[in-house]
Amino acid sequence: TQIAIIQLRRWIFAFVQNEVESDMRATAIAIFYFVMNVIGIGLGPPLIGRASDWLGHLAAGHLAAGHGSQASGGLTAALALISCVLICASVHFYIAGRRVGRRAR
């Protein structure tokens, strides 16, 4: 997953560099990294924590109802859920890239 994130970041970085005027590239990249850090550092841990708690409660309720012998853990499920979100984001970036490519022709 980490390799996919690094590759996606490279593609986005290249996309931002290609879409802005040459005198605005530094500003565009600064804004890009600011938004990435606000989302990744500011929103990421609280969202993972909330999802972990919520999924942990669901697993505990499922276990209390007698369905299964061991809960898989809320944190594991929350991290798997975020991986699905990253895959969804990758698909949307791919679609956007194709549309921008058509527009450039």
N, C-alpha and C. Protein backbone atom coordinates (compact mmCIF):
# COMPACT_ATOMS: atom_id res chain seq x y z
N THR A 1 0.83 -1.19 0.00
CA THR A 1 0.00 0.00 0.00
C THR A 1 0.87 1.25 0.00
N GLN A 2 1.97 1.21 0.74
CA GLN A 2 2.85 2.37 0.83
C GLN A 2 3.44 2.71 -0.54
N ILE A 3 3.80 1.70 -1.31
CA ILE A 3 4.37 1.94 -2.64
C ILE A 3 3.32 2.60 -3.53
N ALA A 4 2.08 2.14 -3.43
CA ALA A 4 1.00 2.74 -4.24
C ALA A 4 0.79 4.20 -3.85
N ILE A 5 0.87 4.52 -2.58
CA ILE A 5 0.69 5.90 -2.12
C ILE A 5 1.81 6.77 -2.66
N ILE A 6 3.04 6.28 -2.61
CA ILE A 6 4.18 7.04 -3.12
C ILE A 6 4.02 7.29 -4.62
N GLN A 7 3.62 6.27 -5.36
CA GLN A 7 3.44 6.42 -6.80
C GLN A 7 2.31 7.39 -7.11
N LEU A 8 1.21 7.30 -6.38
CA LEU A 8 0.10 8.21 -6.58
C LEU A 8 0.53 9.65 -6.31
N ARG A 9 1.31 9.86 -5.28
CA ARG A 9 1.80 11.19 -4.95
C ARG A 9 2.68 11.74 -6.08
N ARG A 10 3.50 10.88 -6.67
CA ARG A 10 4.33 11.32 -7.81
C ARG A 10 3.48 11.75 -8.98
N TRP A 11 2.44 10.99 -9.29
CA TRP A 11 1.56 11.33 -10.40
C TRP A 11 0.84 12.65 -10.15
N ILE A 12 0.37 12.84 -8.93
CA ILE A 12 -0.33 14.08 -8.60
C ILE A 12 0.63 15.26 -8.68
N PHE A 13 1.84 15.07 -8.17
CA PHE A 13 2.85 16.12 -8.22
C PHE A 13 3.12 16.51 -9.68
N ALA A 14 3.29 15.51 -10.56
CA ALA A 14 3.54 15.78 -11.98
C ALA A 14 2.33 16.47 -12.61
N PHE A 15 1.14 16.04 -12.25
CA PHE A 15 -0.07 16.65 -12.78
C PHE A 15 -0.14 18.13 -12.40
N VAL A 16 0.12 18.44 -11.14
CA VAL A 16 0.09 19.83 -10.68
C VAL A 16 1.13 20.64 -11.43
N GLN A 17 2.33 20.11 -11.59
CA GLN A 17 3.39 20.82 -12.30
C GLN A 17 3.02 21.10 -13.75
N ASN A 18 2.34 20.17 -14.39
CA ASN A 18 2.00 20.34 -15.80
C ASN A 18 0.80 21.25 -16.03
N GLU A 19 -0.08 21.37 -15.06
CA GLU A 19 -1.32 22.12 -15.27
C GLU A 19 -1.24 23.59 -14.92
N VAL A 20 -0.20 24.03 -14.21
CA VAL A 20 -0.12 25.44 -13.83
C VAL A 20 0.96 26.13 -14.65
N GLU A 21 0.86 27.44 -14.72
CA GLU A 21 1.87 28.23 -15.41
C GLU A 21 3.20 28.12 -14.68
N SER A 22 4.28 28.33 -15.42
CA SER A 22 5.61 28.13 -14.84
C SER A 22 5.91 29.06 -13.67
N ASP A 23 5.35 30.27 -13.67
CA ASP A 23 5.61 31.18 -12.56
C ASP A 23 4.74 30.89 -11.34
N MET A 24 3.80 29.96 -11.46
CA MET A 24 2.92 29.61 -10.33
C MET A 24 3.20 28.21 -9.77
N ARG A 25 4.21 27.52 -10.30
CA ARG A 25 4.46 26.14 -9.89
C ARG A 25 4.81 26.01 -8.41
N ALA A 26 5.67 26.88 -7.93
CA ALA A 26 6.06 26.79 -6.52
C ALA A 26 4.87 27.01 -5.59
N THR A 27 4.03 27.98 -5.93
CA THR A 27 2.83 28.25 -5.13
C THR A 27 1.87 27.08 -5.18
N ALA A 28 1.68 26.51 -6.37
CA ALA A 28 0.76 25.38 -6.53
C ALA A 28 1.24 24.18 -5.71
N ILE A 29 2.54 23.89 -5.74
CA ILE A 29 3.06 22.76 -4.97
C ILE A 29 2.97 23.04 -3.48
N ALA A 30 3.20 24.29 -3.08
CA ALA A 30 3.07 24.63 -1.65
C ALA A 30 1.64 24.42 -1.17
N ILE A 31 0.68 24.84 -1.96
CA ILE A 31 -0.73 24.64 -1.60
C ILE A 31 -1.06 23.15 -1.59
N PHE A 32 -0.56 22.42 -2.58
CA PHE A 32 -0.78 20.98 -2.65
C PHE A 32 -0.27 20.29 -1.38
N TYR A 33 0.97 20.57 -0.98
CA TYR A 33 1.52 19.93 0.21
C TYR A 33 0.82 20.39 1.49
N PHE A 34 0.38 21.65 1.53
CA PHE A 34 -0.36 22.12 2.69
C PHE A 34 -1.66 21.34 2.86
N VAL A 35 -2.40 21.19 1.76
CA VAL A 35 -3.68 20.45 1.81
C VAL A 35 -3.43 18.99 2.16
N MET A 36 -2.40 18.38 1.55
CA MET A 36 -2.08 16.98 1.85
C MET A 36 -1.76 16.79 3.33
N ASN A 37 -1.01 17.73 3.92
CA ASN A 37 -0.67 17.61 5.33
C ASN A 37 -1.85 17.87 6.24
N VAL A 38 -2.69 18.82 5.89
CA VAL A 38 -3.88 19.07 6.71
C VAL A 38 -4.78 17.84 6.72
N ILE A 39 -4.95 17.23 5.57
CA ILE A 39 -5.79 16.03 5.50
C ILE A 39 -5.10 14.85 6.17
N GLY A 40 -3.85 14.61 5.81
CA GLY A 40 -3.14 13.43 6.31
C GLY A 40 -2.80 13.48 7.78
N ILE A 41 -2.30 14.61 8.24
CA ILE A 41 -1.88 14.71 9.64
C ILE A 41 -3.02 15.22 10.53
N GLY A 42 -3.81 16.15 10.00
CA GLY A 42 -4.87 16.74 10.81
C GLY A 42 -6.12 15.89 10.91
N LEU A 43 -6.56 15.33 9.79
CA LEU A 43 -7.80 14.57 9.80
C LEU A 43 -7.60 13.06 9.86
N GLY A 44 -6.47 12.58 9.38
CA GLY A 44 -6.24 11.14 9.30
C GLY A 44 -6.33 10.40 10.63
N PRO A 45 -5.52 10.76 11.62
CA PRO A 45 -5.58 10.03 12.89
C PRO A 45 -6.93 10.08 13.61
N PRO A 46 -7.60 11.24 13.68
CA PRO A 46 -8.93 11.22 14.32
C PRO A 46 -9.95 10.36 13.57
N LEU A 47 -9.91 10.40 12.24
CA LEU A 47 -10.86 9.58 11.47
C LEU A 47 -10.58 8.09 11.65
N ILE A 48 -9.31 7.72 11.64
CA ILE A 48 -8.95 6.31 11.87
C ILE A 48 -9.37 5.89 13.28
N GLY A 49 -9.16 6.76 14.25
CA GLY A 49 -9.55 6.44 15.62
C GLY A 49 -11.05 6.25 15.77
N ARG A 50 -11.82 7.15 15.17
CA ARG A 50 -13.28 7.02 15.25
C ARG A 50 -13.76 5.76 14.53
N ALA A 51 -13.20 5.50 13.35
CA ALA A 51 -13.59 4.29 12.62
C ALA A 51 -13.19 3.04 13.39
N SER A 52 -12.03 3.09 14.03
CA SER A 52 -11.57 1.95 14.83
C SER A 52 -12.51 1.69 16.00
N ASP A 53 -12.90 2.75 16.70
CA ASP A 53 -13.83 2.59 17.82
C ASP A 53 -15.18 2.05 17.35
N TRP A 54 -15.69 2.62 16.27
CA TRP A 54 -16.99 2.21 15.75
C TRP A 54 -16.96 0.75 15.30
N LEU A 55 -15.93 0.39 14.53
CA LEU A 55 -15.84 -0.99 14.05
C LEU A 55 -15.54 -1.96 15.20
N GLY A 56 -14.81 -1.51 16.21
CA GLY A 56 -14.56 -2.34 17.39
C GLY A 56 -15.84 -2.63 18.15
N HIS A 57 -16.71 -1.62 18.26
CA HIS A 57 -18.01 -1.84 18.93
C HIS A 57 -18.89 -2.79 18.12
N LEU A 58 -18.85 -2.66 16.81
CA LEU A 58 -19.62 -3.58 15.97
C LEU A 58 -19.11 -5.01 16.15
N ALA A 59 -17.78 -5.17 16.18
CA ALA A 59 -17.21 -6.51 16.35
C ALA A 59 -17.54 -7.06 17.73
N ALA A 60 -17.52 -6.21 18.75
CA ALA A 60 -17.83 -6.66 20.10
C ALA A 60 -19.30 -7.08 20.20
N GLY A 61 -20.20 -6.34 19.54
CA GLY A 61 -21.61 -6.72 19.54
C GLY A 61 -21.83 -8.01 18.79
N HIS A 62 -21.11 -8.20 17.71
CA HIS A 62 -21.21 -9.44 16.93
C HIS A 62 -20.71 -10.62 17.76
N LEU A 63 -19.63 -10.39 18.51
CA LEU A 63 -19.06 -11.46 19.35
C LEU A 63 -20.01 -11.77 20.51
N ALA A 64 -20.63 -10.72 21.10
CA ALA A 64 -21.54 -10.94 22.22
C ALA A 64 -22.80 -11.69 21.78
N ALA A 65 -23.17 -11.55 20.51
CA ALA A 65 -24.35 -12.24 20.01
C ALA A 65 -24.07 -13.71 19.73
N GLY A 66 -22.83 -14.13 19.92
CA GLY A 66 -22.48 -15.53 19.72
C GLY A 66 -22.07 -15.88 18.32
N HIS A 67 -21.74 -14.90 17.52
CA HIS A 67 -21.32 -15.14 16.14
C HIS A 67 -19.80 -15.03 16.05
N GLY A 68 -19.12 -16.11 16.21
CA GLY A 68 -17.66 -16.10 16.10
C GLY A 68 -17.01 -16.22 17.45
N SER A 69 -15.76 -16.60 17.42
CA SER A 69 -15.05 -16.81 18.67
C SER A 69 -14.07 -15.70 18.99
N GLN A 70 -13.76 -14.85 17.99
CA GLN A 70 -12.75 -13.83 18.24
C GLN A 70 -13.04 -12.63 17.34
N ALA A 71 -13.00 -11.43 17.92
CA ALA A 71 -13.19 -10.22 17.12
C ALA A 71 -11.90 -9.91 16.37
N SER A 72 -12.02 -9.46 15.14
CA SER A 72 -10.84 -9.19 14.32
C SER A 72 -10.12 -7.92 14.73
N GLY A 73 -10.77 -7.06 15.44
CA GLY A 73 -10.15 -5.82 15.88
C GLY A 73 -10.60 -4.64 15.05
N GLY A 74 -10.97 -3.59 15.74
CA GLY A 74 -11.47 -2.40 15.06
C GLY A 74 -10.40 -1.68 14.28
N LEU A 75 -9.16 -1.66 14.81
CA LEU A 75 -8.09 -0.94 14.12
C LEU A 75 -7.74 -1.59 12.79
N THR A 76 -7.68 -2.91 12.78
CA THR A 76 -7.40 -3.63 11.53
C THR A 76 -8.47 -3.34 10.50
N ALA A 77 -9.71 -3.36 10.91
CA ALA A 77 -10.81 -3.10 9.98
C ALA A 77 -10.80 -1.65 9.50
N ALA A 78 -10.46 -0.72 10.40
CA ALA A 78 -10.41 0.70 10.02
C ALA A 78 -9.30 0.95 9.00
N LEU A 79 -8.15 0.35 9.19
CA LEU A 79 -7.05 0.51 8.24
C LEU A 79 -7.38 -0.13 6.90
N ALA A 80 -8.08 -1.26 6.92
CA ALA A 80 -8.51 -1.89 5.67
C ALA A 80 -9.52 -1.00 4.96
N LEU A 81 -10.40 -0.37 5.71
CA LEU A 81 -11.39 0.53 5.13
C LEU A 81 -10.71 1.73 4.46
N ILE A 82 -9.69 2.28 5.09
CA ILE A 82 -8.96 3.40 4.52
C ILE A 82 -8.24 2.97 3.24
N SER A 83 -7.74 1.74 3.20
CA SER A 83 -7.11 1.24 1.97
C SER A 83 -8.12 1.21 0.83
N CYS A 84 -9.36 0.87 1.12
CA CYS A 84 -10.40 0.89 0.09
C CYS A 84 -10.66 2.31 -0.39
N VAL A 85 -10.61 3.26 0.51
CA VAL A 85 -10.79 4.66 0.14
C VAL A 85 -9.65 5.10 -0.79
N LEU A 86 -8.43 4.66 -0.50
CA LEU A 86 -7.29 5.01 -1.36
C LEU A 86 -7.45 4.41 -2.75
N ILE A 87 -7.96 3.21 -2.84
CA ILE A 87 -8.19 2.60 -4.15
C ILE A 87 -9.25 3.39 -4.91
N CYS A 88 -10.28 3.80 -4.22
CA CYS A 88 -11.34 4.61 -4.85
C CYS A 88 -10.75 5.94 -5.33
N ALA A 89 -9.91 6.56 -4.54
CA ALA A 89 -9.27 7.82 -4.94
C ALA A 89 -8.39 7.61 -6.16
N SER A 90 -7.68 6.49 -6.22
CA SER A 90 -6.83 6.20 -7.37
C SER A 90 -7.65 6.10 -8.65
N VAL A 91 -8.80 5.46 -8.57
CA VAL A 91 -9.67 5.33 -9.74
C VAL A 91 -10.15 6.71 -10.19
N HIS A 92 -10.52 7.56 -9.25
CA HIS A 92 -10.98 8.90 -9.61
C HIS A 92 -9.85 9.73 -10.21
N PHE A 93 -8.64 9.61 -9.68
CA PHE A 93 -7.52 10.33 -10.27
C PHE A 93 -7.23 9.83 -11.68
N TYR A 94 -7.35 8.54 -11.91
CA TYR A 94 -7.15 7.98 -13.24
C TYR A 94 -8.18 8.56 -14.22
N ILE A 95 -9.44 8.60 -13.81
CA ILE A 95 -10.50 9.14 -14.66
C ILE A 95 -10.25 10.62 -14.95
N ALA A 96 -9.88 11.37 -13.92
CA ALA A 96 -9.58 12.79 -14.11
C ALA A 96 -8.40 12.98 -15.05
N GLY A 97 -7.38 12.14 -14.92
CA GLY A 97 -6.22 12.24 -15.79
C GLY A 97 -6.56 11.98 -17.24
N ARG A 98 -7.43 11.03 -17.47
CA ARG A 98 -7.85 10.74 -18.86
C ARG A 98 -8.62 11.93 -19.44
N ARG A 99 -9.46 12.55 -18.64
CA ARG A 99 -10.23 13.70 -19.13
C ARG A 99 -9.32 14.89 -19.41
N VAL A 100 -8.35 15.11 -18.55
CA VAL A 100 -7.41 16.21 -18.78
C VAL A 100 -6.58 15.91 -20.03
N GLY A 101 -6.20 14.65 -20.23
CA GLY A 101 -5.46 14.27 -21.42
C GLY A 101 -6.25 14.52 -22.70
N ARG A 102 -7.54 14.25 -22.67
CA ARG A 102 -8.40 14.52 -23.83
C ARG A 102 -8.51 16.01 -24.09
N ARG A 103 -8.61 16.78 -23.02
CA ARG A 103 -8.73 18.23 -23.15
C ARG A 103 -7.46 18.84 -23.74
N ALA A 104 -6.30 18.26 -23.41
CA ALA A 104 -5.02 18.79 -23.89
C ALA A 104 -4.84 18.54 -25.38
N ARG A 105 -5.49 17.52 -25.92
CA ARG A 105 -5.33 17.21 -27.35
C ARG A 105 -6.07 18.17 -28.16
